Protein backbone atom coordinates (compact mmCIF):
# COMPACT_ATOMS: atom_id res chain seq x y z
CA MET A 1 -69.73 -10.35 -9.39
CA THR A 2 -68.38 -7.70 -11.81
CA GLN A 3 -64.81 -6.48 -11.84
CA THR A 4 -65.94 -3.03 -10.66
CA THR A 5 -67.88 -4.48 -7.70
CA LEU A 6 -64.93 -6.67 -6.75
CA MET A 7 -62.58 -3.67 -6.82
CA MET A 8 -64.97 -1.66 -4.63
CA ASP A 9 -65.28 -4.50 -2.11
CA THR A 10 -61.50 -4.89 -2.01
CA ALA A 11 -61.00 -1.15 -1.49
CA THR A 12 -63.55 -1.16 1.34
CA ALA A 13 -61.83 -4.12 3.00
CA GLU A 14 -58.42 -2.45 2.66
CA GLU A 15 -59.79 0.74 4.22
CA ALA A 16 -61.20 -1.25 7.16
CA ALA A 17 -57.94 -3.18 7.59
CA SER A 18 -55.96 0.06 7.54
CA GLY A 19 -58.24 1.49 10.24
CA LEU A 20 -57.68 -1.59 12.41
CA GLU A 21 -53.90 -1.28 12.10
CA ARG A 22 -54.10 2.31 13.36
CA VAL A 23 -55.83 1.25 16.59
CA TRP A 24 -54.21 -2.14 17.34
CA TRP A 25 -52.20 -0.75 20.25
CA LEU A 26 -55.37 0.66 21.82
CA LEU A 27 -56.94 -2.78 21.64
CA LEU A 28 -53.84 -4.27 23.26
CA ALA A 29 -53.77 -1.69 26.07
CA ASP A 30 -57.50 -2.15 26.63
CA GLY A 31 -57.08 -5.94 26.76
CA VAL A 32 -54.16 -5.94 29.20
CA LEU A 33 -55.80 -3.41 31.52
CA SER A 34 -59.13 -5.25 31.48
CA LEU A 35 -57.42 -8.56 32.27
CA ILE A 36 -55.58 -7.05 35.25
CA ILE A 37 -58.72 -5.38 36.62
CA GLY A 38 -60.79 -8.52 36.05
CA PHE A 39 -58.41 -10.75 37.99
CA LEU A 40 -58.11 -8.17 40.79
CA VAL A 41 -61.89 -7.92 41.15
CA LEU A 42 -62.32 -11.72 41.19
CA SER A 43 -59.58 -11.99 43.82
CA TRP A 44 -61.02 -9.31 46.14
CA LYS A 45 -64.60 -10.48 46.51
CA GLU A 46 -64.87 -9.39 50.15
CA GLN A 47 -64.01 -5.74 49.62
CA THR A 48 -66.43 -2.96 50.50
CA LEU A 49 -69.09 -1.47 48.25
CA TYR A 50 -67.13 1.76 47.87
CA VAL A 51 -63.98 -0.02 46.68
CA LEU A 52 -66.07 -2.05 44.26
CA ALA A 53 -67.89 1.06 43.02
CA TYR A 54 -64.61 2.88 42.39
CA PHE A 55 -63.18 -0.15 40.58
CA LEU A 56 -66.29 -0.33 38.43
CA GLY A 57 -66.33 3.39 37.70
CA ALA A 58 -62.62 3.50 36.84
CA TRP A 59 -62.88 0.47 34.56
CA LEU A 60 -65.92 1.87 32.72
CA LEU A 61 -64.20 5.22 32.23
CA VAL A 62 -60.96 3.70 30.92
CA VAL A 63 -62.68 1.23 28.60
CA GLY A 64 -65.05 3.98 27.45
CA VAL A 65 -62.15 6.27 26.52
CA PHE A 66 -60.40 3.46 24.62
CA GLN A 67 -63.60 2.60 22.75
CA LEU A 68 -64.32 6.26 21.96
CA VAL A 69 -60.80 6.87 20.63
CA SER A 70 -60.89 3.63 18.63
CA GLY A 71 -64.26 4.56 17.19
CA VAL A 72 -63.04 7.99 16.10
CA ARG A 73 -59.80 6.69 14.57
CA ALA A 74 -61.25 3.64 12.79
CA MET A 75 -62.78 4.69 9.48
CA ARG A 76 -65.41 2.11 8.61
CA THR A 77 -67.19 1.20 11.84
CA ARG A 78 -66.64 4.26 13.98
CA TRP A 79 -70.14 5.11 15.24
CA PRO A 80 -71.05 1.91 17.16
CA TYR A 81 -67.75 1.96 19.04
CA ALA A 82 -67.83 5.70 19.64
CA LEU A 83 -71.36 5.36 20.99
CA MET A 84 -70.29 2.40 23.11
CA GLY A 85 -67.47 4.53 24.51
CA LEU A 86 -69.86 7.36 25.41
CA VAL A 87 -72.20 4.90 27.17
CA ALA A 88 -69.31 3.47 29.19
CA ILE A 89 -67.96 6.92 30.11
CA GLY A 90 -71.42 8.05 31.24
CA ALA A 91 -71.89 4.93 33.36
CA GLY A 92 -68.40 5.33 34.85
CA ILE A 93 -68.97 8.97 35.79
CA ALA A 94 -72.35 8.15 37.37
CA THR A 95 -70.77 5.37 39.42
CA LEU A 96 -67.89 7.56 40.66
CA VAL A 97 -70.13 10.54 41.49
CA TRP A 98 -72.66 8.45 43.49
CA PRO A 99 -70.65 5.59 45.06
CA HIS A 100 -73.10 5.40 47.97
CA ILE A 101 -76.00 4.21 45.81
CA THR A 102 -77.34 0.75 46.48
CA LEU A 103 -75.98 -2.46 45.04
CA TYR A 104 -79.29 -2.88 43.29
CA VAL A 105 -78.79 0.32 41.30
CA ILE A 106 -75.12 -0.44 40.56
CA ALA A 107 -76.03 -3.93 39.34
CA THR A 108 -78.79 -2.47 37.17
CA ILE A 109 -76.46 0.17 35.70
CA LEU A 110 -73.84 -2.46 34.95
CA GLY A 111 -76.41 -4.84 33.51
CA TRP A 112 -77.86 -2.29 31.10
CA THR A 113 -74.38 -1.06 30.17
CA LEU A 114 -73.25 -4.59 29.32
CA LEU A 115 -76.45 -5.22 27.37
CA ILE A 116 -76.02 -2.06 25.26
CA TRP A 117 -72.33 -2.78 24.74
CA GLY A 118 -73.11 -6.27 23.55
CA ILE A 119 -75.73 -5.09 21.07
CA LEU A 120 -73.45 -2.36 19.69
CA ASP A 121 -70.55 -4.82 19.44
CA ILE A 122 -72.71 -7.21 17.40
CA VAL A 123 -73.88 -4.36 15.13
CA GLY A 124 -70.31 -3.12 14.68
CA SER A 125 -69.07 -6.60 13.79
CA PHE A 126 -71.76 -7.07 11.15
CA LEU A 127 -70.79 -3.72 9.64
CA ALA A 128 -67.19 -4.94 9.36
CA ARG A 129 -67.85 -8.38 7.84
CA GLU A 130 -65.10 -7.85 5.25
CA VAL A 131 -62.47 -7.75 8.01
CA PRO A 132 -60.77 -11.07 8.86
CA HIS A 133 -62.06 -12.64 12.09
CA TRP A 134 -64.95 -10.18 12.33
CA TRP A 135 -66.93 -12.87 14.15
CA LEU A 136 -64.80 -12.33 17.28
CA GLY A 137 -66.81 -9.17 17.92
CA ILE A 138 -70.05 -11.13 17.69
CA ILE A 139 -68.80 -13.63 20.27
CA LYS A 140 -67.81 -10.79 22.59
CA GLY A 141 -71.16 -9.09 22.00
CA LEU A 142 -73.16 -12.23 22.79
CA VAL A 143 -71.18 -12.77 26.00
CA LEU A 144 -71.81 -9.17 27.06
CA VAL A 145 -75.54 -9.43 26.28
CA ALA A 146 -75.83 -12.65 28.30
CA LEU A 147 -73.97 -11.17 31.27
CA GLY A 148 -76.01 -7.97 31.07
CA VAL A 149 -79.32 -9.86 31.12
CA TRP A 150 -78.05 -11.94 34.05
CA ALA A 151 -77.18 -8.81 36.06
CA ILE A 152 -80.54 -7.17 35.31
CA ARG A 153 -82.59 -10.25 36.22
CA HIS A 154 -80.86 -10.95 39.56
CA PRO A 155 -80.51 -7.58 41.33
CA SER A 156 -81.45 -9.11 44.70
CA HIS A 157 -78.11 -10.92 44.68
CA ALA A 158 -76.43 -7.72 43.60
CA LEU A 159 -73.09 -8.12 45.36
CA THR A 160 -72.36 -11.60 44.07
CA VAL A 161 -73.75 -10.80 40.64
CA LEU A 162 -71.89 -7.50 40.42
CA ILE A 163 -68.50 -8.82 41.49
CA THR A 164 -68.76 -11.94 39.33
CA VAL A 165 -70.14 -10.12 36.28
CA LEU A 166 -67.54 -7.37 36.54
CA GLY A 167 -64.64 -9.77 36.98
CA ILE A 168 -65.69 -12.25 34.30
CA THR A 169 -66.63 -9.49 31.85
CA ALA A 170 -63.30 -7.73 32.30
CA VAL A 171 -61.37 -10.99 31.83
CA VAL A 172 -63.39 -12.07 28.77
CA TRP A 173 -63.26 -8.57 27.30
CA GLY A 174 -59.53 -8.32 27.94
CA GLY A 175 -58.82 -11.73 26.42
CA ILE A 176 -60.75 -11.00 23.23
CA GLU A 177 -59.27 -7.50 22.90
CA PHE A 178 -55.78 -8.96 23.45
CA VAL A 179 -56.25 -11.49 20.63
CA ALA A 180 -57.96 -8.91 18.39
CA ALA A 181 -55.01 -6.53 18.83
CA PHE A 182 -52.57 -8.98 17.27
CA TYR A 183 -54.93 -9.69 14.38
CA ALA A 184 -55.47 -5.95 13.89
CA ARG A 185 -51.74 -5.21 13.92
CA HIS A 186 -51.26 -7.12 10.66
CA ALA A 187 -54.78 -6.71 9.24
CA ARG A 188 -53.65 -5.53 5.81
CA SER A 189 -51.16 -8.35 5.27
CA LYS A 190 -53.74 -10.91 6.39
CA LEU A 191 -56.28 -9.36 4.01
CA LYS A 192 -53.80 -9.48 1.09
CA ARG A 193 -53.03 -13.13 1.86
CA ALA A 194 -56.74 -13.96 2.02
CA LEU A 195 -57.38 -12.15 -1.29
CA ALA A 196 -54.46 -13.94 -2.93
CA GLU A 197 -55.75 -17.32 -1.76
CA ALA A 198 -59.26 -16.46 -2.97
CA GLY A 199 -58.00 -15.25 -6.33
């Protein structure tokens, strides 16, 4: 690897790390909120369809806004996360506008949303391979893809699938975002330490 190529790779990594530090607090807020909603949903399994639909719609809207803002503010990997945010916002609005739709449709909407999220998360992580711990996004993406496929393939058990998928997804999402926030907060210092060790 030439000196010029190494300098370009380092500059790209520093730009990505700087972008992560600008959005670390959004990741933290997203993680905490998702954890709270996830535990609430898993604890209230007997609630009505309307309550569940409003929980789902609110969560999708909030997470979508966080993802959209993070995508716009992060420099290197903005488009997958911005697109993911738009998908979540659209799904959240549809759920809140038509709360009376069947569990089958809600489960299908959630399943496809999770599937698309997972794919975009994996793509976004591969685009940010120079960032420390980039593989966390791949883990989150694979979990979302698996949960999305599960929800799509079992719509006849929509209530159980929907509640469980929503609760587990929110908890897993929140946990990973919570951890990622603390890595992102000091991304540049971690990058400098990694470069020093490599050099």
